[in-house]
Protein backbone atom coordinates (compact mmCIF):
# COMPACT_ATOMS: atom_id res chain seq x y z
CA MET A 1 0.15 -0.05 0.06
CA LEU A 2 0.87 3.51 -0.94
CA ASP A 3 0.89 6.05 1.97
CA ALA A 4 0.24 9.79 1.40
CA ARG A 5 3.80 10.64 1.59
CA ASP A 6 5.22 8.18 -0.43
CA ALA A 7 2.10 9.18 -3.22
CA ARG A 8 2.90 12.46 -3.02
CA LEU A 9 6.75 12.49 -3.54
CA LEU A 10 5.68 10.03 -6.64
CA THR A 11 3.23 12.88 -7.88
CA GLU A 12 6.33 15.54 -7.55
CA ILE A 13 8.59 13.48 -9.49
CA GLY A 14 5.91 12.87 -12.37
CA MET A 15 4.94 16.70 -12.57
CA LEU A 16 8.73 17.11 -13.15
CA ALA A 17 8.33 14.45 -16.01
CA ALA A 18 4.96 15.91 -17.05
CA GLU A 19 6.04 19.70 -17.26
CA ALA A 20 9.05 18.60 -19.59
CA GLY A 21 6.76 17.00 -21.50
CA ASP A 22 8.03 13.63 -21.21
CA VAL A 23 5.32 11.65 -21.66
CA ALA A 24 6.94 8.27 -21.16
CA ARG A 25 8.15 8.87 -17.71
CA ALA A 26 4.69 10.87 -16.90
CA ASP A 27 2.68 7.38 -18.08
CA ALA A 28 4.55 5.19 -15.90
CA ILE A 29 4.51 7.51 -12.64
CA PHE A 30 0.66 8.76 -13.04
CA GLY A 31 -0.62 5.32 -14.75
CA ALA A 32 0.59 3.56 -11.51
CA LEU A 33 -0.81 6.06 -9.12
CA ARG A 34 -4.27 6.29 -11.18
CA ARG A 35 -4.13 2.62 -10.01
CA VAL A 36 -3.61 3.05 -6.49
CA ARG A 37 -5.84 6.25 -6.29
CA PRO A 38 -8.27 5.29 -9.04
CA ASP A 39 -10.93 7.90 -7.50
CA ARG A 40 -8.46 10.84 -7.30
CA ALA A 41 -7.96 13.39 -10.58
CA TYR A 42 -4.49 13.93 -10.36
CA PRO A 43 -3.14 11.00 -11.73
CA TYR A 44 -5.18 12.04 -14.77
CA ILE A 45 -3.92 15.27 -14.63
CA GLY A 46 -0.35 14.81 -14.54
CA LEU A 47 -0.74 12.52 -17.62
CA ALA A 48 -2.77 15.26 -19.51
CA LEU A 49 -0.31 17.72 -18.38
CA ALA A 50 2.60 15.43 -20.15
CA ARG A 51 0.59 15.49 -22.92
CA MET A 52 -0.03 19.13 -23.15
CA ALA A 53 3.73 20.00 -22.84
CA ALA A 54 4.50 17.64 -25.62
CA GLY A 55 2.21 19.71 -27.85
CA ARG A 56 -0.19 16.77 -27.83
CA ALA A 57 -3.47 18.71 -26.16
CA GLY A 58 -5.82 16.40 -28.57
CA GLU A 59 -4.54 13.11 -26.67
CA ALA A 60 -5.14 15.19 -22.84
CA VAL A 61 -8.61 16.23 -24.27
CA ARG A 62 -9.73 12.50 -24.97
CA LEU A 63 -7.81 11.25 -21.94
CA LEU A 64 -9.62 13.92 -19.50
CA GLU A 65 -12.91 12.99 -21.29
CA ASP A 66 -12.37 9.45 -20.37
CA ALA A 67 -11.38 9.88 -17.09
CA GLU A 68 -13.87 8.74 -14.21
CA VAL A 69 -13.29 9.46 -10.50
CA GLY A 70 -16.91 9.39 -7.89
CA ASP A 71 -16.47 12.55 -6.16
CA PRO A 72 -18.13 15.63 -7.70
CA LEU A 73 -15.04 17.71 -6.30
CA GLU A 74 -12.81 15.79 -8.29
CA ARG A 75 -14.57 15.61 -11.14
CA GLY A 76 -14.75 19.46 -11.33
CA VAL A 77 -10.49 19.32 -11.18
CA LEU A 78 -11.21 17.31 -14.65
CA HIS A 79 -13.64 19.27 -16.10
CA ALA A 80 -11.50 22.89 -15.41
CA TRP A 81 -8.44 20.98 -16.58
CA ARG A 82 -10.57 19.66 -19.83
CA GLY A 83 -11.47 22.81 -20.46
CA LEU A 84 -7.89 24.34 -20.55
CA ALA A 85 -6.97 21.38 -23.21
CA LEU A 86 -10.14 22.07 -25.07
CA GLN A 87 -8.75 26.04 -25.44
CA LEU A 88 -4.87 24.59 -26.65
CA VAL A 89 -6.59 22.85 -29.60
CA GLY A 90 -8.62 25.80 -30.43
CA ARG A 91 -12.22 24.62 -29.51
CA SER A 92 -12.79 27.57 -27.63
CA ALA A 93 -16.40 27.43 -27.45
CA GLU A 94 -16.75 23.67 -26.07
CA SER A 95 -13.66 24.53 -23.90
CA ARG A 96 -16.21 27.63 -22.74
CA LYS A 97 -19.01 25.43 -22.39
CA VAL A 98 -16.90 22.79 -20.12
CA LEU A 99 -15.32 25.69 -18.05
CA THR A 100 -18.50 27.09 -17.25
CA GLU A 101 -19.95 24.19 -15.90
CA ALA A 102 -16.98 23.50 -14.03
CA ALA A 103 -17.21 26.96 -12.92
CA ALA A 104 -20.72 26.20 -11.21
CA MET A 105 -19.23 23.17 -9.02
CA SER A 106 -17.45 23.55 -5.87
CA GLY A 107 -13.62 23.30 -4.73
CA GLU A 108 -10.68 23.74 -6.55
CA GLY A 109 -11.73 23.03 -9.85
CA ALA A 110 -14.33 25.33 -9.59
CA HIS A 111 -11.70 28.21 -8.65
CA MET A 112 -9.80 27.30 -11.64
CA ALA A 113 -12.35 27.22 -14.07
CA ARG A 114 -13.79 30.88 -12.67
CA ARG A 115 -9.93 31.85 -13.22
CA LEU A 116 -9.70 30.58 -16.27
CA LEU A 117 -13.15 32.38 -17.80
CA GLY A 118 -12.01 35.82 -16.11
CA LEU A 119 -14.74 35.58 -13.56
CA GLU A 120 -12.89 35.70 -10.64
CA GLU A 121 -10.97 38.82 -11.37
CA GLU A 122 -14.11 40.59 -12.77
CA GLU A 123 -15.45 39.55 -9.17
CA ALA A 124 -12.34 40.78 -7.12
CA ARG A 125 -13.07 43.99 -8.90
CA MET A 126 -16.60 44.43 -8.82
CA PRO A 127 -16.90 46.17 -5.46
CA ALA A 128 -14.25 49.02 -6.57
CA ARG A 129 -16.64 49.56 -9.06
CA LEU A 130 -19.83 49.63 -6.91
CA GLU A 131 -18.07 52.02 -4.71
CA THR A 132 -17.26 54.09 -7.55
CA ILE A 133 -20.65 54.35 -8.85
CA ALA A 134 -21.74 55.17 -5.27
CA ILE A 135 -19.28 57.74 -5.04
CA ASN A 136 -20.54 59.42 -8.71
CA GLN A 137 -24.09 59.59 -7.98
């Protein structure tokens, strides 16, 4: 059994391979993590990130579309990353739809989706705008 500390270490090593676009090494690490942590999003994200970094975003989209996790929070994370991958392959309308769905969820995936849609910046500025409107009236 893989404990949390070991899984975190393997994930960090896998992310180094993924960020470098080293699909073979990322697949070896995240494929193993997917088998021991099947209900978590991060192994799928590592696999997808490796493909995006290697210029194979279309493969990342398919991988994330096929990913199955039970936890709604984990699904939200997968949706947000799929939205990003869809942007990279030029499927903007589909990306926006997926990101909008993810933004309506809760958790880390919703936060990421809102940032990718530019909604969080807008929400952060809104109180200042309202203050300006109130001052000018």
